[in-house]
C-alpha atoms as a PDB file:
ATOM      1  CA  UNK A   1      47.956 -29.828  16.663  1.00  0.00           C
ATOM      2  CA  UNK A   2      46.811 -32.431  18.832  1.00  0.00           C
ATOM      3  CA  UNK A   3      44.062 -31.192  20.912  1.00  0.00           C
ATOM      4  CA  UNK A   4      43.290 -28.434  18.492  1.00  0.00           C
ATOM      5  CA  UNK A   5      40.868 -27.442  15.765  1.00  0.00           C
ATOM      6  CA  UNK A   6      40.548 -24.558  13.252  1.00  0.00           C
ATOM      7  CA  UNK A   7      38.538 -21.683  14.467  1.00  0.00           C
ATOM      8  CA  UNK A   8      35.462 -21.472  12.189  1.00  0.00           C
ATOM      9  CA  UNK A   9      35.877 -17.683  11.541  1.00  0.00           C
ATOM     10  CA  UNK A  10      39.521 -17.032  11.156  1.00  0.00           C
ATOM     11  CA  UNK A  11      41.133 -20.854  10.619  1.00  0.00           C
ATOM     12  CA  UNK A  12      43.503 -20.154  13.276  1.00  0.00           C
ATOM     13  CA  UNK A  13      44.341 -23.367  15.453  1.00  0.00           C
ATOM     14  CA  UNK A  14      42.682 -23.099  18.672  1.00  0.00           C
ATOM     15  CA  UNK A  15      42.063 -25.626  21.759  1.00  0.00           C
ATOM     16  CA  UNK A  16      39.429 -28.139  21.695  1.00  0.00           C
ATOM     17  CA  UNK A  17      38.128 -26.611  24.630  1.00  0.00           C
ATOM     18  CA  UNK A  18      38.134 -22.915  23.757  1.00  0.00           C
ATOM     19  CA  UNK A  19      35.075 -21.195  24.066  1.00  0.00           C
ATOM     20  CA  UNK A  20      36.653 -17.876  22.353  1.00  0.00           C
ATOM     21  CA  UNK A  21      39.244 -17.987  19.702  1.00  0.00           C
ATOM     22  CA  UNK A  22      42.340 -15.916  20.866  1.00  0.00           C
ATOM     23  CA  UNK A  23      42.922 -14.944  17.307  1.00  0.00           C
ATOM     24  CA  UNK A  24      39.953 -12.927  16.082  1.00  0.00           C
ATOM     25  CA  UNK A  25      38.103 -12.646  19.541  1.00  0.00           C
ATOM     26  CA  UNK A  26      34.602 -14.642  18.116  1.00  0.00           C
ATOM     27  CA  UNK A  27      33.145 -16.678  20.644  1.00  0.00           C
ATOM     28  CA  UNK A  28      32.733 -20.073  19.600  1.00  0.00           C
ATOM     29  CA  UNK A  29      29.000 -21.449  18.191  1.00  0.00           C
ATOM     30  CA  UNK A  30      26.781 -22.651  20.928  1.00  0.00           C
ATOM     31  CA  UNK A  31      29.152 -20.764  23.634  1.00  0.00           C
ATOM     32  CA  UNK A  32      28.298 -17.786  25.876  1.00  0.00           C
ATOM     33  CA  UNK A  33      30.435 -15.587  27.522  1.00  0.00           C
ATOM     34  CA  UNK A  34      30.591 -16.395  31.431  1.00  0.00           C
ATOM     35  CA  UNK A  35      29.333 -13.756  33.574  1.00  0.00           C
ATOM     36  CA  UNK A  36      31.941 -11.819  35.429  1.00  0.00           C
ATOM     37  CA  UNK A  37      31.903 -12.136  39.050  1.00  0.00           C
ATOM     38  CA  UNK A  38      30.074  -9.901  41.055  1.00  0.00           C
ATOM     39  CA  UNK A  39      31.926  -6.804  42.490  1.00  0.00           C
ATOM     40  CA  UNK A  40      34.912  -7.416  39.790  1.00  0.00           C
ATOM     41  CA  UNK A  41      36.013  -4.711  37.675  1.00  0.00           C
ATOM     42  CA  UNK A  42      34.557  -6.746  34.730  1.00  0.00           C
ATOM     43  CA  UNK A  43      31.134  -6.531  36.234  1.00  0.00           C
ATOM     44  CA  UNK A  44      31.324  -2.975  36.691  1.00  0.00           C
ATOM     45  CA  UNK A  45      32.533  -2.390  33.210  1.00  0.00           C
ATOM     46  CA  UNK A  46      29.244  -4.582  32.199  1.00  0.00           C
ATOM     47  CA  UNK A  47      27.099  -2.654  34.234  1.00  0.00           C
ATOM     48  CA  UNK A  48      28.736   0.903  33.091  1.00  0.00           C
ATOM     49  CA  UNK A  49      28.007  -0.371  29.399  1.00  0.00           C
ATOM     50  CA  UNK A  50      24.576  -1.281  30.363  1.00  0.00           C
ATOM     51  CA  UNK A  51      23.914   1.814  31.680  1.00  0.00           C
ATOM     52  CA  UNK A  52      25.422   3.662  28.606  1.00  0.00           C
ATOM     53  CA  UNK A  53      23.080   1.821  26.271  1.00  0.00           C
ATOM     54  CA  UNK A  54      20.340   2.753  28.058  1.00  0.00           C
ATOM     55  CA  UNK A  55      21.235   6.345  28.467  1.00  0.00           C
ATOM     56  CA  UNK A  56      21.995   6.639  24.489  1.00  0.00           C
ATOM     57  CA  UNK A  57      18.281   5.008  23.657  1.00  0.00           C
ATOM     58  CA  UNK A  58      16.449   7.646  26.089  1.00  0.00           C
ATOM     59  CA  UNK A  59      18.512  10.795  25.158  1.00  0.00           C
ATOM     60  CA  UNK A  60      18.344   9.642  21.450  1.00  0.00           C
ATOM     61  CA  UNK A  61      14.275   9.665  22.197  1.00  0.00           C
ATOM     62  CA  UNK A  62      14.585  13.066  23.739  1.00  0.00           C
ATOM     63  CA  UNK A  63      16.841  14.670  20.926  1.00  0.00           C
ATOM     64  CA  UNK A  64      14.175  13.325  18.044  1.00  0.00           C
ATOM     65  CA  UNK A  65      11.554  15.082  20.040  1.00  0.00           C
ATOM     66  CA  UNK A  66      13.477  18.293  20.637  1.00  0.00           C
ATOM     67  CA  UNK A  67      14.342  18.159  16.821  1.00  0.00           C
ATOM     68  CA  UNK A  68      10.403  18.056  15.911  1.00  0.00           C
ATOM     69  CA  UNK A  69      10.055  22.081  17.089  1.00  0.00           C
ATOM     70  CA  UNK A  70      11.510  22.859  14.177  1.00  0.00           C
ATOM     71  CA  UNK A  71       8.481  21.347  12.158  1.00  0.00           C
ATOM     72  CA  UNK A  72       6.901  24.917  13.139  1.00  0.00           C
ATOM     73  CA  UNK A  73       9.724  26.612  11.023  1.00  0.00           C
ATOM     74  CA  UNK A  74       9.343  24.498   8.076  1.00  0.00           C
ATOM     75  CA  UNK A  75       5.366  24.542   7.920  1.00  0.00           C
ATOM     76  CA  UNK A  76       5.786  28.465   8.470  1.00  0.00           C
ATOM     77  CA  UNK A  77       8.168  28.666   5.428  1.00  0.00           C
ATOM     78  CA  UNK A  78       6.117  26.472   3.262  1.00  0.00           C
ATOM     79  CA  UNK A  79       3.085  28.378   4.161  1.00  0.00           C
ATOM     80  CA  UNK A  80       5.149  31.630   3.323  1.00  0.00           C
ATOM     81  CA  UNK A  81       6.282  30.167  -0.138  1.00  0.00           C
ATOM     82  CA  UNK A  82       3.074  28.863  -1.051  1.00  0.00           C
ATOM     83  CA  UNK A  83       0.747  31.657   0.204  1.00  0.00           C
ATOM     84  CA  UNK A  84       2.559  34.645   1.056  1.00  0.00           C
ATOM     85  CA  UNK A  85      -0.814  36.687   1.434  1.00  0.00           C
ATOM     86  CA  UNK A  86      -1.611  34.441   4.176  1.00  0.00           C
ATOM     87  CA  UNK A  87       0.931  35.720   6.306  1.00  0.00           C
ATOM     88  CA  UNK A  88       0.117  39.446   6.181  1.00  0.00           C
ATOM     89  CA  UNK A  89      -3.488  39.418   8.347  1.00  0.00           C
ATOM     90  CA  UNK A  90      -5.450  40.233   5.508  1.00  0.00           C
ATOM     91  CA  UNK A  91      -3.617  43.569   4.348  1.00  0.00           C
ATOM     92  CA  UNK A  92      -2.680  43.640   0.783  1.00  0.00           C
ATOM     93  CA  UNK A  93       0.816  44.802   0.097  1.00  0.00           C
ATOM     94  CA  UNK A  94       1.961  43.774   3.502  1.00  0.00           C
ATOM     95  CA  UNK A  95       3.226  40.172   2.808  1.00  0.00           C
ATOM     96  CA  UNK A  96       6.786  39.021   3.898  1.00  0.00           C
ATOM     97  CA  UNK A  97       9.494  39.046   1.160  1.00  0.00           C
ATOM     98  CA  UNK A  98       9.907  35.597  -0.606  1.00  0.00           C
ATOM     99  CA  UNK A  99      13.293  34.922   0.831  1.00  0.00           C
ATOM    100  CA  UNK A 100      11.439  35.015   4.049  1.00  0.00           C
ATOM    101  CA  UNK A 101       9.819  31.689   3.545  1.00  0.00           C
ATOM    102  CA  UNK A 102      12.915  29.952   1.879  1.00  0.00           C
ATOM    103  CA  UNK A 103      15.118  30.997   4.984  1.00  0.00           C
ATOM    104  CA  UNK A 104      12.457  29.724   7.229  1.00  0.00           C
ATOM    105  CA  UNK A 105      12.119  26.426   5.577  1.00  0.00           C
ATOM    106  CA  UNK A 106      15.772  26.132   5.086  1.00  0.00           C
ATOM    107  CA  UNK A 107      16.750  26.677   8.568  1.00  0.00           C
ATOM    108  CA  UNK A 108      13.784  24.750  10.093  1.00  0.00           C
ATOM    109  CA  UNK A 109      14.148  21.621   7.561  1.00  0.00           C
ATOM    110  CA  UNK A 110      18.398  21.651   8.091  1.00  0.00           C
ATOM    111  CA  UNK A 111      17.683  21.938  11.849  1.00  0.00           C
ATOM    112  CA  UNK A 112      15.249  19.189  11.924  1.00  0.00           C
ATOM    113  CA  UNK A 113      17.317  17.025   9.838  1.00  0.00           C
ATOM    114  CA  UNK A 114      20.326  17.394  11.865  1.00  0.00           C
ATOM    115  CA  UNK A 115      18.608  16.700  15.285  1.00  0.00           C
ATOM    116  CA  UNK A 116      16.937  13.794  13.605  1.00  0.00           C
ATOM    117  CA  UNK A 117      20.208  12.416  12.012  1.00  0.00           C
ATOM    118  CA  UNK A 118      22.000  12.807  15.498  1.00  0.00           C
ATOM    119  CA  UNK A 119      19.251  11.013  17.311  1.00  0.00           C
ATOM    120  CA  UNK A 120      19.317   8.135  14.754  1.00  0.00           C
ATOM    121  CA  UNK A 121      23.137   7.990  15.303  1.00  0.00           C
ATOM    122  CA  UNK A 122      22.880   7.856  18.971  1.00  0.00           C
ATOM    123  CA  UNK A 123      19.737   5.334  19.272  1.00  0.00           C
ATOM    124  CA  UNK A 124      22.352   3.022  16.637  1.00  0.00           C
ATOM    125  CA  UNK A 125      25.430   3.498  18.992  1.00  0.00           C
ATOM    126  CA  UNK A 126      23.273   2.524  21.906  1.00  0.00           C
ATOM    127  CA  UNK A 127      22.298  -0.878  20.145  1.00  0.00           C
ATOM    128  CA  UNK A 128      25.657  -1.178  19.080  1.00  0.00           C
ATOM    129  CA  UNK A 129      27.049  -0.846  23.009  1.00  0.00           C
ATOM    130  CA  UNK A 130      24.473  -3.326  23.867  1.00  0.00           C
ATOM    131  CA  UNK A 131      25.403  -5.819  21.565  1.00  0.00           C
ATOM    132  CA  UNK A 132      29.246  -4.836  21.621  1.00  0.00           C
ATOM    133  CA  UNK A 133      29.618  -4.255  18.279  1.00  0.00           C
ATOM    134  CA  UNK A 134      31.561  -1.648  15.839  1.00  0.00           C
ATOM    135  CA  UNK A 135      33.460   0.123  18.650  1.00  0.00           C
ATOM    136  CA  UNK A 136      34.781   3.055  16.192  1.00  0.00           C
ATOM    137  CA  UNK A 137      31.103   3.829  15.415  1.00  0.00           C
ATOM    138  CA  UNK A 138      30.372   4.184  19.093  1.00  0.00           C
ATOM    139  CA  UNK A 139      33.244   6.843  19.403  1.00  0.00           C
ATOM    140  CA  UNK A 140      31.898   8.674  16.461  1.00  0.00           C
ATOM    141  CA  UNK A 141      28.315   8.555  17.930  1.00  0.00           C
ATOM    142  CA  UNK A 142      29.884   9.663  21.177  1.00  0.00           C
ATOM    143  CA  UNK A 143      31.549  12.965  19.400  1.00  0.00           C
ATOM    144  CA  UNK A 144      28.220  13.667  17.531  1.00  0.00           C
ATOM    145  CA  UNK A 145      26.037  13.359  20.759  1.00  0.00           C
ATOM    146  CA  UNK A 146      28.401  16.100  22.024  1.00  0.00           C
ATOM    147  CA  UNK A 147      26.623  18.691  20.112  1.00  0.00           C
ATOM    148  CA  UNK A 148      23.404  18.207  21.683  1.00  0.00           C
ATOM    149  CA  UNK A 149      23.762  20.420  25.105  1.00  0.00           C
ATOM    150  CA  UNK A 150      23.556  19.642  27.803  1.00  0.00           C
ATOM    151  CA  UNK A 151      22.606  15.890  28.155  1.00  0.00           C
ATOM    152  CA  UNK A 152      23.977  14.501  25.037  1.00  0.00           C
ATOM    153  CA  UNK A 153      27.102  16.684  25.799  1.00  0.00           C
ATOM    154  CA  UNK A 154      27.460  14.865  29.128  1.00  0.00           C
ATOM    155  CA  UNK A 155      26.512  11.523  27.561  1.00  0.00           C
ATOM    156  CA  UNK A 156      29.239  11.735  24.867  1.00  0.00           C
ATOM    157  CA  UNK A 157      32.123  12.829  27.743  1.00  0.00           C
ATOM    158  CA  UNK A 158      31.006  10.013  29.850  1.00  0.00           C
ATOM    159  CA  UNK A 159      30.883   7.440  26.834  1.00  0.00           C
ATOM    160  CA  UNK A 160      34.647   9.019  25.788  1.00  0.00           C
ATOM    161  CA  UNK A 161      35.677   8.105  29.354  1.00  0.00           C
ATOM    162  CA  UNK A 162      33.816   4.486  29.542  1.00  0.00           C
ATOM    163  CA  UNK A 163      34.689   3.390  25.982  1.00  0.00           C
ATOM    164  CA  UNK A 164      38.470   4.450  26.414  1.00  0.00           C
ATOM    165  CA  UNK A 165      39.210   2.022  29.065  1.00  0.00           C
ATOM    166  CA  UNK A 166      41.229  -0.960  28.127  1.00  0.00           C
ATOM    167  CA  UNK A 167      38.947  -3.432  29.568  1.00  0.00           C
ATOM    168  CA  UNK A 168      36.211  -2.050  27.923  1.00  0.00           C
ATOM    169  CA  UNK A 169      37.741  -2.093  24.527  1.00  0.00           C
ATOM    170  CA  UNK A 170      38.576  -5.510  25.034  1.00  0.00           C
ATOM    171  CA  UNK A 171      35.109  -6.501  25.261  1.00  0.00           C
ATOM    172  CA  UNK A 172      34.321  -5.137  21.359  1.00  0.00           C
ATOM    173  CA  UNK A 173      35.546  -7.727  18.958  1.00  0.00           C
ATOM    174  CA  UNK A 174      38.708  -6.764  16.921  1.00  0.00           C
ATOM    175  CA  UNK A 175      37.730  -5.106  13.665  1.00  0.00           C
ATOM    176  CA  UNK A 176      37.261  -7.104  10.593  1.00  0.00           C
ATOM    177  CA  UNK A 177      40.878  -7.707   8.642  1.00  0.00           C
ATOM    178  CA  UNK A 178      40.413  -7.019   4.943  1.00  0.00           C
ATOM    179  CA  UNK A 179      40.639  -9.553   2.466  1.00  0.00           C
END
């Protein structure tokens, strides 16, 4: 064990000059990953992940804004529930049935919640890709983004292609081992 010391993260023996543990994949304290030479496949992977992170951020914001259109449905439903007479243009006996308000509010609320949830997942996935963390979560968010047509679907498919490359998969640390 001469010339070796235990890894501060997994306690496995590693070389003194090591900048990354070969067992757990963690960088040693005070060490940063050296940049890949320009034009190499590793540099292209880094560029693809940078662009993917940016795309997730932009499309998540657009998805959240697109979900805001369902606020109108939610408001119409609530107004119809609270004050059905206001929906009849001042004519008595012409108010919509009660289920109309509940239907509008339910569908509007569910759609709003769905869009904002997917937008949040996509935003978090962009941050995780940028930090090279939570590989499985990034794949799940890629699948969820496929529900948002057409840009989310394109982003999800491109994400699956990029994230499933063995060279990109190696940039993410391995999942934590259970104790």
